[in-house]
Amino acid sequence: MSPANSQLHSQDKYTEIHFSKRWLLIVTGWISLTLGILGIFLPLLPTTPFVLLSSWCFARSSKRFHQLLVSNRFLGPIITEWEAGRGISLKVRNRALITLWITLVISMFIVGKWWSVLLLSSIGTGTTIYLCRLARKAKSEQL
């Protein structure tokens, strides 16, 4: 194989990897967005991490899908603030914590096993610590 053919072959391989990586990110983005939307209605499925994962995947694979997600009137502002590094508002954080603990307690009662109480309490505690340590928007930005 001549050096020119070798270079062409490696270029094709790079293009193929890039193409497959792009589609893998798009598929992962749609799956995580679907799980995030389901998480709005299902108590044990978290919404925010899946939506942020889909935003990350779309930002690296499809400008059109990322723009569609960011321009959504419900999810867009939270994603935009997160991507800008400005954190979340106190209202959003408190709403997330209240919803988290209500759904976890309901799930603990439904399952009724000691291991589920331990597991869900651990998940809730870890998530609460994470959310409380996140950067919060300044009061002037929250208005």
C-alpha atoms as a PDB file:
ATOM      1  CA  MET A   1       0.000   0.000   0.000  1.00  0.00           C
ATOM      2  CA  SER A   2       1.471   3.342  -1.030  1.00  0.00           C
ATOM      3  CA  PRO A   3       1.717   6.218   1.472  1.00  0.00           C
ATOM      4  CA  ALA A   4      -1.044   8.084  -0.380  1.00  0.00           C
ATOM      5  CA  ASN A   5      -3.369   5.062  -0.167  1.00  0.00           C
ATOM      6  CA  SER A   6      -2.450   4.579   3.495  1.00  0.00           C
ATOM      7  CA  GLN A   7      -3.341   8.181   4.260  1.00  0.00           C
ATOM      8  CA  LEU A   8      -6.600   7.890   2.324  1.00  0.00           C
ATOM      9  CA  HIS A   9      -7.432   4.642   4.114  1.00  0.00           C
ATOM     10  CA  SER A  10      -6.823   6.216   7.553  1.00  0.00           C
ATOM     11  CA  GLN A  11      -8.974   9.199   6.537  1.00  0.00           C
ATOM     12  CA  ASP A  12     -11.828   6.854   5.589  1.00  0.00           C
ATOM     13  CA  LYS A  13     -11.447   5.025   8.890  1.00  0.00           C
ATOM     14  CA  TYR A  14     -11.580   8.320  10.807  1.00  0.00           C
ATOM     15  CA  THR A  15     -14.681   9.379   8.895  1.00  0.00           C
ATOM     16  CA  GLU A  16     -16.310   6.015   9.619  1.00  0.00           C
ATOM     17  CA  ILE A  17     -15.511   6.241  13.342  1.00  0.00           C
ATOM     18  CA  HIS A  18     -16.757   9.818  13.458  1.00  0.00           C
ATOM     19  CA  PHE A  19     -19.968   8.863  11.681  1.00  0.00           C
ATOM     20  CA  SER A  20     -20.673   5.920  13.993  1.00  0.00           C
ATOM     21  CA  LYS A  21     -19.784   7.954  17.067  1.00  0.00           C
ATOM     22  CA  ARG A  22     -22.174  10.674  15.916  1.00  0.00           C
ATOM     23  CA  TRP A  23     -25.042   8.214  15.506  1.00  0.00           C
ATOM     24  CA  LEU A  24     -24.240   6.540  18.811  1.00  0.00           C
ATOM     25  CA  LEU A  25     -24.463   9.932  20.518  1.00  0.00           C
ATOM     26  CA  ILE A  26     -27.739  10.744  18.746  1.00  0.00           C
ATOM     27  CA  VAL A  27     -29.298   7.410  19.747  1.00  0.00           C
ATOM     28  CA  THR A  28     -28.021   7.780  23.322  1.00  0.00           C
ATOM     29  CA  GLY A  29     -29.398  11.328  23.405  1.00  0.00           C
ATOM     30  CA  TRP A  30     -32.877  10.239  22.317  1.00  0.00           C
ATOM     31  CA  ILE A  31     -32.930   7.275  24.711  1.00  0.00           C
ATOM     32  CA  SER A  32     -31.876   9.460  27.638  1.00  0.00           C
ATOM     33  CA  LEU A  33     -34.374  12.166  26.674  1.00  0.00           C
ATOM     34  CA  THR A  34     -37.135   9.546  26.533  1.00  0.00           C
ATOM     35  CA  LEU A  35     -36.111   8.234  29.961  1.00  0.00           C
ATOM     36  CA  GLY A  36     -36.003  11.800  31.290  1.00  0.00           C
ATOM     37  CA  ILE A  37     -39.518  12.503  30.054  1.00  0.00           C
ATOM     38  CA  LEU A  38     -40.720   9.209  31.533  1.00  0.00           C
ATOM     39  CA  GLY A  39     -39.049  10.272  34.788  1.00  0.00           C
ATOM     40  CA  ILE A  40     -41.490  13.166  35.033  1.00  0.00           C
ATOM     41  CA  PHE A  41     -44.249  10.599  35.544  1.00  0.00           C
ATOM     42  CA  LEU A  42     -42.416   7.661  37.155  1.00  0.00           C
ATOM     43  CA  PRO A  43     -41.158   8.264  40.701  1.00  0.00           C
ATOM     44  CA  LEU A  44     -37.988   6.145  40.615  1.00  0.00           C
ATOM     45  CA  LEU A  45     -36.684   7.464  37.305  1.00  0.00           C
ATOM     46  CA  PRO A  46     -34.736  10.737  37.583  1.00  0.00           C
ATOM     47  CA  THR A  47     -35.541  13.425  35.024  1.00  0.00           C
ATOM     48  CA  THR A  48     -32.735  15.970  35.247  1.00  0.00           C
ATOM     49  CA  PRO A  49     -29.685  13.686  34.776  1.00  0.00           C
ATOM     50  CA  PHE A  50     -31.221  12.076  31.702  1.00  0.00           C
ATOM     51  CA  VAL A  51     -32.164  15.439  30.188  1.00  0.00           C
ATOM     52  CA  LEU A  52     -28.671  16.821  30.841  1.00  0.00           C
ATOM     53  CA  LEU A  53     -27.130  13.679  29.321  1.00  0.00           C
ATOM     54  CA  SER A  54     -29.277  14.078  26.217  1.00  0.00           C
ATOM     55  CA  SER A  55     -28.231  17.726  25.971  1.00  0.00           C
ATOM     56  CA  TRP A  56     -24.574  16.711  26.210  1.00  0.00           C
ATOM     57  CA  CYS A  57     -25.012  14.027  23.527  1.00  0.00           C
ATOM     58  CA  PHE A  58     -26.877  16.353  21.172  1.00  0.00           C
ATOM     59  CA  ALA A  59     -24.347  19.169  21.665  1.00  0.00           C
ATOM     60  CA  ARG A  60     -21.660  16.824  20.347  1.00  0.00           C
ATOM     61  CA  SER A  61     -23.634  15.148  17.573  1.00  0.00           C
ATOM     62  CA  SER A  62     -26.531  17.220  16.232  1.00  0.00           C
ATOM     63  CA  LYS A  63     -26.875  20.963  16.283  1.00  0.00           C
ATOM     64  CA  ARG A  64     -30.511  20.604  15.188  1.00  0.00           C
ATOM     65  CA  PHE A  65     -31.495  18.235  18.040  1.00  0.00           C
ATOM     66  CA  HIS A  66     -29.578  20.297  20.610  1.00  0.00           C
ATOM     67  CA  GLN A  67     -31.290  23.471  19.459  1.00  0.00           C
ATOM     68  CA  LEU A  68     -34.654  21.702  19.588  1.00  0.00           C
ATOM     69  CA  LEU A  69     -33.997  20.673  23.188  1.00  0.00           C
ATOM     70  CA  VAL A  70     -32.621  24.046  24.291  1.00  0.00           C
ATOM     71  CA  SER A  71     -35.537  25.916  22.706  1.00  0.00           C
ATOM     72  CA  ASN A  72     -38.100  23.774  24.565  1.00  0.00           C
ATOM     73  CA  ARG A  73     -40.062  26.058  26.880  1.00  0.00           C
ATOM     74  CA  PHE A  74     -39.966  23.599  29.798  1.00  0.00           C
ATOM     75  CA  LEU A  75     -36.476  22.099  29.580  1.00  0.00           C
ATOM     76  CA  GLY A  76     -34.614  24.819  27.691  1.00  0.00           C
ATOM     77  CA  PRO A  77     -34.044  27.385  30.459  1.00  0.00           C
ATOM     78  CA  ILE A  78     -32.645  24.812  32.880  1.00  0.00           C
ATOM     79  CA  ILE A  79     -30.301  23.375  30.245  1.00  0.00           C
ATOM     80  CA  THR A  80     -29.166  26.826  29.139  1.00  0.00           C
ATOM     81  CA  GLU A  81     -28.349  27.884  32.692  1.00  0.00           C
ATOM     82  CA  TRP A  82     -26.570  24.586  33.352  1.00  0.00           C
ATOM     83  CA  GLU A  83     -24.483  24.801  30.181  1.00  0.00           C
ATOM     84  CA  ALA A  84     -23.554  28.403  30.935  1.00  0.00           C
ATOM     85  CA  GLY A  85     -22.218  27.293  34.321  1.00  0.00           C
ATOM     86  CA  ARG A  86     -24.579  29.555  36.231  1.00  0.00           C
ATOM     87  CA  GLY A  87     -26.072  26.730  38.278  1.00  0.00           C
ATOM     88  CA  ILE A  88     -29.702  26.368  39.224  1.00  0.00           C
ATOM     89  CA  SER A  89     -32.069  28.704  40.986  1.00  0.00           C
ATOM     90  CA  LEU A  90     -33.044  28.131  44.591  1.00  0.00           C
ATOM     91  CA  LYS A  91     -36.641  27.592  43.475  1.00  0.00           C
ATOM     92  CA  VAL A  92     -35.668  24.821  41.020  1.00  0.00           C
ATOM     93  CA  ARG A  93     -33.379  23.167  43.569  1.00  0.00           C
ATOM     94  CA  ASN A  94     -36.023  23.213  46.300  1.00  0.00           C
ATOM     95  CA  ARG A  95     -38.695  21.919  43.940  1.00  0.00           C
ATOM     96  CA  ALA A  96     -36.375  19.092  42.863  1.00  0.00           C
ATOM     97  CA  LEU A  97     -35.596  18.160  46.478  1.00  0.00           C
ATOM     98  CA  ILE A  98     -39.236  18.176  47.547  1.00  0.00           C
ATOM     99  CA  THR A  99     -40.275  16.060  44.559  1.00  0.00           C
ATOM    100  CA  LEU A 100     -37.344  13.710  45.105  1.00  0.00           C
ATOM    101  CA  TRP A 101     -38.152  13.012  48.744  1.00  0.00           C
ATOM    102  CA  ILE A 102     -41.910  12.723  48.231  1.00  0.00           C
ATOM    103  CA  THR A 103     -41.447  10.128  45.500  1.00  0.00           C
ATOM    104  CA  LEU A 104     -38.748   8.281  47.442  1.00  0.00           C
ATOM    105  CA  VAL A 105     -40.899   8.032  50.585  1.00  0.00           C
ATOM    106  CA  ILE A 106     -43.889   6.838  48.535  1.00  0.00           C
ATOM    107  CA  SER A 107     -41.650   4.240  46.878  1.00  0.00           C
ATOM    108  CA  MET A 108     -40.324   3.119  50.264  1.00  0.00           C
ATOM    109  CA  PHE A 109     -43.867   2.502  51.498  1.00  0.00           C
ATOM    110  CA  ILE A 110     -44.900   0.720  48.297  1.00  0.00           C
ATOM    111  CA  VAL A 111     -41.921  -1.646  48.273  1.00  0.00           C
ATOM    112  CA  GLY A 112     -41.893  -2.006  52.069  1.00  0.00           C
ATOM    113  CA  LYS A 113     -38.570  -3.881  52.333  1.00  0.00           C
ATOM    114  CA  TRP A 114     -35.739  -2.789  54.594  1.00  0.00           C
ATOM    115  CA  TRP A 115     -33.194  -2.966  51.755  1.00  0.00           C
ATOM    116  CA  SER A 116     -35.314  -0.677  49.566  1.00  0.00           C
ATOM    117  CA  VAL A 117     -35.584   1.864  52.377  1.00  0.00           C
ATOM    118  CA  LEU A 118     -31.801   1.744  52.813  1.00  0.00           C
ATOM    119  CA  LEU A 119     -31.123   1.967  49.075  1.00  0.00           C
ATOM    120  CA  LEU A 120     -33.612   4.771  48.402  1.00  0.00           C
ATOM    121  CA  SER A 121     -32.447   6.712  51.468  1.00  0.00           C
ATOM    122  CA  SER A 122     -28.858   6.454  50.247  1.00  0.00           C
ATOM    123  CA  ILE A 123     -29.811   7.621  46.756  1.00  0.00           C
ATOM    124  CA  GLY A 124     -31.872  10.485  48.187  1.00  0.00           C
ATOM    125  CA  THR A 125     -29.099  11.556  50.542  1.00  0.00           C
ATOM    126  CA  GLY A 126     -26.480  11.499  47.791  1.00  0.00           C
ATOM    127  CA  THR A 127     -28.710  13.453  45.422  1.00  0.00           C
ATOM    128  CA  THR A 128     -29.567  15.986  48.134  1.00  0.00           C
ATOM    129  CA  ILE A 129     -25.897  16.563  48.927  1.00  0.00           C
ATOM    130  CA  TYR A 130     -25.111  16.956  45.239  1.00  0.00           C
ATOM    131  CA  LEU A 131     -27.941  19.434  44.642  1.00  0.00           C
ATOM    132  CA  CYS A 132     -27.055  21.465  47.734  1.00  0.00           C
ATOM    133  CA  ARG A 133     -23.434  21.732  46.613  1.00  0.00           C
ATOM    134  CA  LEU A 134     -24.329  22.961  43.122  1.00  0.00           C
ATOM    135  CA  ALA A 135     -23.752  26.576  42.268  1.00  0.00           C
ATOM    136  CA  ARG A 136     -26.853  28.691  42.696  1.00  0.00           C
ATOM    137  CA  LYS A 137     -27.769  31.686  40.634  1.00  0.00           C
ATOM    138  CA  ALA A 138     -27.474  35.009  42.377  1.00  0.00           C
ATOM    139  CA  LYS A 139     -30.753  36.561  43.521  1.00  0.00           C
ATOM    140  CA  SER A 140     -30.468  39.258  40.853  1.00  0.00           C
ATOM    141  CA  GLU A 141     -30.262  36.529  38.168  1.00  0.00           C
ATOM    142  CA  GLN A 142     -33.279  34.656  39.561  1.00  0.00           C
ATOM    143  CA  LEU A 143     -35.689  37.481  38.878  1.00  0.00           C
END
